[in-house]
Amino acid sequence: MVFNNRLVGKCVSIKGQVFAVFLTVLSLLVVSLPSQALEVGGSAHQGTESETQGYTIFIADNFSRRSPFYWSLGLSRYDEVFVEWNNSNLKFPINSAEASLSYRHQFTARNPTMRRFTLEYQLGVAASLTDNKFTWAELNEEKYFSETGDINGFLAISAHYQVSSNVSAIMGVRYFPNMSEFGSMSSVFLGFKFSLDFGPTYYGN
């Protein structure tokens, strides 16, 4: 029993260290990467289960002025995430800090409407900020479905439509192959982003 407690404590310590490193990397990215036109946005998510809903807020920027490659940092929350255990359907919330890399392809068709569309292919990781534990009192048993520091990968594809020079609408799908102990999870999302241009302004004579 003492050995098990030590093992659990060691695992928690390792996850805490991994989580601390993750947050440090996020902070360094925000501070060190050059910002030309920082994007700030948010989206609402609808999971495959009707009750599973959530949201994401994020900041993003490309690595250079004309680069199609972008980084993004964000926070997300999903409510009513289902998991089955001991013949019971349980529901939990999941909060995560996210980091991702993406490639954006802008259409170059002659049609002005099509030129407003951009496709984004995204690959990222989400670090859990939530401990989700269920205690089965009758069996004197407990089960963790997620712990702070769990790292889960995700894929996403989205379409961006430029509404104005600084505002774009976003619609896409996101897929987690394995969300901690919850199994796979997918959602569709809809949102907006705003472009804040911090580039130098030049004035004529």
Protein backbone atom coordinates (compact mmCIF):
# COMPACT_ATOMS: atom_id res chain seq x y z
CA MET A 1 0.00 0.00 0.00
CA VAL A 2 2.87 2.35 0.86
CA PHE A 3 4.53 1.45 -2.44
CA ASN A 4 1.33 2.28 -4.35
CA ASN A 5 1.03 5.65 -2.62
CA ARG A 6 4.64 6.48 -3.47
CA LEU A 7 4.09 5.44 -7.09
CA VAL A 8 0.98 7.62 -7.37
CA GLY A 9 2.82 10.52 -5.78
CA LYS A 10 5.71 10.12 -8.20
CA CYS A 11 3.35 10.07 -11.22
CA VAL A 12 1.60 13.22 -9.99
CA SER A 13 4.97 14.92 -9.51
CA ILE A 14 6.10 14.01 -13.04
CA LYS A 15 2.84 15.26 -14.56
CA GLY A 16 3.18 18.48 -12.59
CA GLN A 17 6.69 19.00 -13.96
CA VAL A 18 5.52 18.30 -17.52
CA PHE A 19 2.67 20.76 -17.08
CA ALA A 20 5.03 23.43 -15.72
CA VAL A 21 7.33 22.99 -18.73
CA PHE A 22 4.32 23.23 -21.05
CA LEU A 23 3.21 26.55 -19.53
CA THR A 24 6.79 27.87 -19.65
CA VAL A 25 7.05 27.09 -23.36
CA LEU A 26 3.73 28.85 -24.00
CA SER A 27 4.92 31.94 -22.16
CA LEU A 28 8.21 32.03 -24.06
CA LEU A 29 6.38 31.72 -27.37
CA VAL A 30 4.14 34.67 -26.57
CA VAL A 31 7.05 36.86 -25.45
CA SER A 32 9.68 35.94 -28.03
CA LEU A 33 7.86 35.43 -31.32
CA PRO A 34 7.67 38.55 -33.49
CA SER A 35 4.13 39.84 -33.77
CA GLN A 36 3.03 41.57 -36.96
CA ALA A 37 -0.74 41.08 -37.00
CA LEU A 38 -1.77 39.20 -33.89
CA GLU A 39 -5.10 37.42 -34.15
CA VAL A 40 -7.50 37.18 -31.21
CA GLY A 41 -10.57 35.00 -31.49
CA GLY A 42 -13.03 32.58 -30.01
CA SER A 43 -15.29 29.76 -31.09
CA ALA A 44 -18.22 27.74 -29.76
CA HIS A 45 -18.08 23.94 -29.99
CA GLN A 46 -20.78 21.29 -30.36
CA GLY A 47 -19.69 17.73 -29.65
CA THR A 48 -21.00 14.57 -31.26
CA GLU A 49 -23.02 14.02 -28.08
CA SER A 50 -25.86 16.56 -28.03
CA GLU A 51 -25.08 17.68 -24.46
CA THR A 52 -21.34 18.11 -25.03
CA GLN A 53 -20.66 21.78 -25.70
CA GLY A 54 -17.76 24.12 -25.14
CA TYR A 55 -15.72 27.07 -26.27
CA THR A 56 -12.18 28.10 -27.15
CA ILE A 57 -10.44 31.47 -26.91
CA PHE A 58 -7.09 31.89 -28.65
CA ILE A 59 -4.35 34.13 -29.97
CA ALA A 60 -2.44 33.33 -33.17
CA ASP A 61 0.20 34.74 -35.49
CA ASN A 62 2.30 33.59 -38.42
CA PHE A 63 6.05 33.11 -38.10
CA SER A 64 6.84 35.85 -40.61
CA ARG A 65 4.90 38.46 -42.55
CA ARG A 66 4.07 36.27 -45.57
CA SER A 67 4.46 32.83 -44.03
CA PRO A 68 1.50 30.40 -44.38
CA PHE A 69 2.59 28.69 -41.14
CA TYR A 70 1.00 29.84 -37.89
CA TRP A 71 1.28 29.21 -34.15
CA SER A 72 -1.67 29.46 -31.79
CA LEU A 73 -2.16 29.47 -28.01
CA GLY A 74 -5.51 29.14 -26.32
CA LEU A 75 -7.77 27.99 -23.53
CA SER A 76 -10.73 25.68 -24.01
CA ARG A 77 -13.57 24.20 -21.99
CA TYR A 78 -15.93 21.34 -22.77
CA ASP A 79 -18.96 20.63 -20.59
CA GLU A 80 -20.94 17.39 -20.24
CA VAL A 81 -18.23 15.12 -21.67
CA PHE A 82 -19.50 11.55 -21.45
CA VAL A 83 -17.65 8.45 -20.30
CA GLU A 84 -18.96 4.99 -19.42
CA TRP A 85 -17.66 3.22 -16.33
CA ASN A 86 -19.10 0.30 -14.36
CA ASN A 87 -22.22 0.35 -16.57
CA SER A 88 -22.86 4.00 -15.68
CA ASN A 89 -22.84 7.05 -17.96
CA LEU A 90 -20.85 9.81 -16.28
CA LYS A 91 -20.41 13.44 -17.35
CA PHE A 92 -17.52 15.77 -16.55
CA PRO A 93 -16.15 19.17 -17.64
CA ILE A 94 -12.70 19.42 -19.23
CA ASN A 95 -10.55 22.57 -19.15
CA SER A 96 -7.35 22.73 -21.19
CA ALA A 97 -4.49 25.01 -22.23
CA GLU A 98 -3.67 24.53 -25.91
CA ALA A 99 -0.78 25.09 -28.30
CA SER A 100 -0.83 24.32 -32.01
CA LEU A 101 0.87 24.76 -35.36
CA SER A 102 -1.07 25.16 -38.58
CA TYR A 103 -0.81 25.71 -42.31
CA ARG A 104 -3.20 28.06 -44.10
CA HIS A 105 -4.02 27.89 -47.79
CA GLN A 106 -5.64 30.98 -49.27
CA PHE A 107 -7.67 30.58 -52.45
CA THR A 108 -6.44 32.57 -55.45
CA ALA A 109 -9.47 32.15 -57.73
CA ARG A 110 -10.64 35.00 -59.93
CA ASN A 111 -13.94 35.08 -58.08
CA PRO A 112 -13.65 37.82 -55.39
CA THR A 113 -15.83 35.80 -53.00
CA MET A 114 -13.60 32.72 -53.22
CA ARG A 115 -10.51 34.84 -52.53
CA ARG A 116 -12.00 35.64 -49.13
CA PHE A 117 -11.76 31.96 -48.11
CA THR A 118 -8.75 30.35 -46.40
CA LEU A 119 -8.40 26.70 -45.36
CA GLU A 120 -6.44 25.93 -42.18
CA TYR A 121 -4.94 22.54 -41.25
CA GLN A 122 -4.05 22.41 -37.57
CA LEU A 123 -2.06 20.04 -35.35
CA GLY A 124 -1.91 20.72 -31.62
CA VAL A 125 -1.72 19.54 -28.04
CA ALA A 126 -3.99 20.30 -25.09
CA ALA A 127 -2.76 20.16 -21.49
CA SER A 128 -5.55 19.31 -19.06
CA LEU A 129 -6.27 21.79 -16.27
CA THR A 130 -8.90 19.55 -14.69
CA ASP A 131 -8.86 16.65 -12.24
CA ASN A 132 -11.93 14.51 -12.91
CA LYS A 133 -12.40 11.75 -10.35
CA PHE A 134 -15.41 9.56 -9.66
CA THR A 135 -15.76 7.72 -6.36
CA TRP A 136 -17.83 4.53 -6.32
CA ALA A 137 -18.88 4.53 -2.66
CA GLU A 138 -20.53 1.10 -2.70
CA LEU A 139 -17.37 -0.56 -4.01
CA ASN A 140 -14.98 1.74 -2.14
CA GLU A 141 -13.31 2.43 -5.48
CA GLU A 142 -12.25 5.61 -7.26
CA LYS A 143 -11.30 6.33 -10.84
CA TYR A 144 -9.50 9.30 -12.41
CA PHE A 145 -10.69 10.13 -15.93
CA SER A 146 -8.38 13.12 -16.32
CA GLU A 147 -5.64 14.72 -14.26
CA THR A 148 -3.97 18.11 -14.38
CA GLY A 149 -1.05 17.87 -16.77
CA ASP A 150 -2.50 15.19 -19.08
CA ILE A 151 -1.33 15.92 -22.63
CA ASN A 152 -3.76 15.14 -25.47
CA GLY A 153 -3.15 15.68 -29.17
CA PHE A 154 -5.76 16.99 -31.58
CA LEU A 155 -6.33 17.64 -35.28
CA ALA A 156 -8.53 20.33 -36.79
CA ILE A 157 -9.50 21.66 -40.18
CA SER A 158 -11.36 24.92 -40.63
CA ALA A 159 -12.48 27.45 -43.22
CA HIS A 160 -11.93 31.17 -42.62
CA TYR A 161 -14.08 33.73 -44.42
CA GLN A 162 -12.82 37.32 -44.42
CA VAL A 163 -15.79 39.50 -43.49
CA SER A 164 -13.71 42.70 -43.44
CA SER A 165 -10.04 43.64 -43.38
CA ASN A 166 -9.82 42.84 -39.65
CA VAL A 167 -12.64 40.36 -39.01
CA SER A 168 -13.05 36.76 -40.21
CA ALA A 169 -15.65 34.08 -39.52
CA ILE A 170 -14.40 30.54 -38.74
CA MET A 171 -16.11 27.18 -39.16
CA GLY A 172 -14.48 23.78 -38.74
CA VAL A 173 -14.16 20.38 -37.10
CA ARG A 174 -11.80 19.20 -34.36
CA TYR A 175 -10.84 15.66 -33.39
CA PHE A 176 -9.11 14.26 -30.30
CA PRO A 177 -7.99 10.65 -30.96
CA ASN A 178 -7.72 10.09 -27.21
CA MET A 179 -8.89 12.58 -24.56
CA SER A 180 -7.31 11.23 -21.35
CA GLU A 181 -9.59 8.37 -20.19
CA PHE A 182 -12.61 9.67 -22.09
CA GLY A 183 -11.61 8.07 -25.39
CA SER A 184 -11.91 9.85 -28.72
CA MET A 185 -13.86 13.09 -29.00
CA SER A 186 -14.83 15.29 -31.92
CA SER A 187 -16.71 18.55 -32.32
CA VAL A 188 -17.78 21.12 -34.88
CA PHE A 189 -17.11 24.77 -34.12
CA LEU A 190 -18.09 28.24 -35.26
CA GLY A 191 -16.44 31.50 -34.27
CA PHE A 192 -14.79 34.79 -35.16
CA LYS A 193 -11.28 36.18 -35.10
CA PHE A 194 -10.00 39.75 -35.07
CA SER A 195 -6.69 40.85 -36.57
CA LEU A 196 -4.70 43.42 -34.57
CA ASP A 197 -1.97 44.88 -36.79
CA PHE A 198 1.18 45.79 -34.84
CA GLY A 199 3.34 46.28 -37.92
CA PRO A 200 5.12 49.59 -38.51
CA THR A 201 3.12 52.39 -40.08
CA TYR A 202 4.79 54.41 -42.82
CA TYR A 203 3.83 57.95 -43.70
CA GLY A 204 4.61 59.78 -46.91
CA ASN A 205 6.36 63.11 -47.13
